[in-house]
Amino acid sequence: MSYQDQANLAQDAVFAERLSAALVREAKPKGSTDLPALVLRSPAEGARVFMPFIASAPTFDTMYAGGGQEAITDGDLLSAVQANWDLVDAVYFPPVEEPV
């Protein structure tokens, strides 16, 4: 694992655009709750909030180092988005506890 490769991936503009596209596709059927609404209002903002989770996905740094963002397939990207959706949602939109 290389933190430099992970950092470089996180700054790759083409990868961020691909991430935005994947997020929009995933957000559309989820309705208008907080995280899907954020992604659909601003796909670039969606990519910004997801990027730390996605750029640090297992093996993404190695794939990036070996062939740039093109080495990370759409399937790899989709799997990482789906695997991290609930965590990103919980980090940015934690459940509000009702007073007792």
Protein backbone atom coordinates (compact mmCIF):
# COMPACT_ATOMS: atom_id res chain seq x y z
CA MET A 1 0.00 0.00 0.00
CA SER A 2 1.25 3.45 -0.85
CA TYR A 3 -0.26 6.49 0.77
CA GLN A 4 1.19 8.53 -2.08
CA ASP A 5 -0.71 6.44 -4.65
CA GLN A 6 -3.88 6.80 -2.56
CA ALA A 7 -3.36 10.57 -2.37
CA ASN A 8 -2.71 10.79 -6.10
CA LEU A 9 -5.88 8.83 -6.86
CA ALA A 10 -7.88 11.15 -4.61
CA GLN A 11 -6.66 14.11 -6.69
CA ASP A 12 -7.26 12.51 -10.11
CA ALA A 13 -9.86 14.68 -11.89
CA VAL A 14 -10.99 11.99 -14.33
CA PHE A 15 -11.44 9.51 -11.49
CA ALA A 16 -13.52 12.10 -9.60
CA GLU A 17 -15.76 12.49 -12.66
CA ARG A 18 -16.21 8.73 -12.89
CA LEU A 19 -17.01 8.61 -9.18
CA SER A 20 -19.61 11.36 -9.66
CA ALA A 21 -21.27 9.37 -12.43
CA ALA A 22 -21.34 6.20 -10.33
CA LEU A 23 -22.80 8.10 -7.37
CA VAL A 24 -25.58 9.66 -9.44
CA ARG A 25 -26.57 6.27 -10.80
CA GLU A 26 -26.66 4.84 -7.27
CA ALA A 27 -28.46 7.84 -5.76
CA LYS A 28 -31.36 8.09 -8.21
CA PRO A 29 -33.33 5.05 -6.99
CA LYS A 30 -32.64 5.85 -3.32
CA GLY A 31 -35.03 8.78 -3.23
CA SER A 32 -34.61 12.25 -1.80
CA THR A 33 -33.19 11.52 1.64
CA ASP A 34 -30.09 13.40 2.77
CA LEU A 35 -27.20 11.63 1.03
CA PRO A 36 -28.96 10.89 -2.29
CA ALA A 37 -30.22 14.49 -2.37
CA LEU A 38 -26.69 15.82 -1.79
CA VAL A 39 -25.33 13.65 -4.62
CA LEU A 40 -28.11 14.56 -7.03
CA ARG A 41 -27.93 18.31 -6.26
CA SER A 42 -24.18 18.38 -6.80
CA PRO A 43 -22.44 15.29 -8.15
CA ALA A 44 -19.06 16.99 -7.62
CA GLU A 45 -19.88 17.49 -3.93
CA GLY A 46 -20.95 13.87 -3.74
CA ALA A 47 -17.59 12.83 -5.15
CA ARG A 48 -15.83 15.09 -2.65
CA VAL A 49 -17.51 13.48 0.36
CA PHE A 50 -17.08 9.94 -0.96
CA MET A 51 -13.49 10.31 -2.19
CA PRO A 52 -11.65 9.53 1.08
CA PHE A 53 -13.63 6.32 1.41
CA ILE A 54 -13.22 5.30 -2.24
CA ALA A 55 -9.58 6.28 -2.76
CA SER A 56 -8.69 4.17 0.28
CA ALA A 57 -10.64 1.12 -0.93
CA PRO A 58 -8.61 -2.10 -0.81
CA THR A 59 -6.23 -2.47 -3.78
CA PHE A 60 -7.23 0.84 -5.42
CA ASP A 61 -3.82 2.35 -4.64
CA THR A 62 -2.05 -0.63 -6.22
CA MET A 63 -4.29 -0.60 -9.29
CA TYR A 64 -3.75 3.15 -9.66
CA ALA A 65 0.01 2.78 -9.34
CA GLY A 66 0.01 0.05 -11.98
CA GLY A 67 -2.10 1.76 -14.62
CA GLY A 68 -3.61 5.03 -13.51
CA GLN A 69 -7.32 5.55 -12.90
CA GLU A 70 -8.06 3.47 -16.01
CA ALA A 71 -6.87 0.36 -14.12
CA ILE A 72 -9.82 0.71 -11.73
CA THR A 73 -12.79 -0.76 -13.57
CA ASP A 74 -16.33 0.57 -13.41
CA GLY A 75 -17.21 -2.63 -11.54
CA ASP A 76 -14.49 -1.97 -8.97
CA LEU A 77 -15.75 1.59 -8.56
CA LEU A 78 -19.39 0.54 -8.23
CA SER A 79 -18.51 -2.09 -5.63
CA ALA A 80 -16.60 0.47 -3.57
CA VAL A 81 -19.48 2.96 -3.76
CA GLN A 82 -22.01 0.33 -2.69
CA ALA A 83 -19.76 -0.97 0.09
CA ASN A 84 -19.24 2.53 1.52
CA TRP A 85 -22.68 4.11 1.00
CA ASP A 86 -24.00 3.40 4.51
CA LEU A 87 -20.77 4.52 6.17
CA VAL A 88 -20.67 7.80 4.24
CA ASP A 89 -24.35 8.34 5.06
CA ALA A 90 -23.70 7.74 8.77
CA VAL A 91 -20.66 10.07 8.82
CA TYR A 92 -22.38 12.97 7.05
CA PHE A 93 -25.96 12.43 8.20
CA PRO A 94 -25.88 10.69 11.59
CA PRO A 95 -29.23 9.58 12.92
CA VAL A 96 -30.95 12.12 15.12
CA GLU A 97 -31.97 10.66 18.44
CA GLU A 98 -35.45 11.53 19.54
CA PRO A 99 -35.77 12.99 23.06
CA VAL A 100 -37.19 10.56 25.56
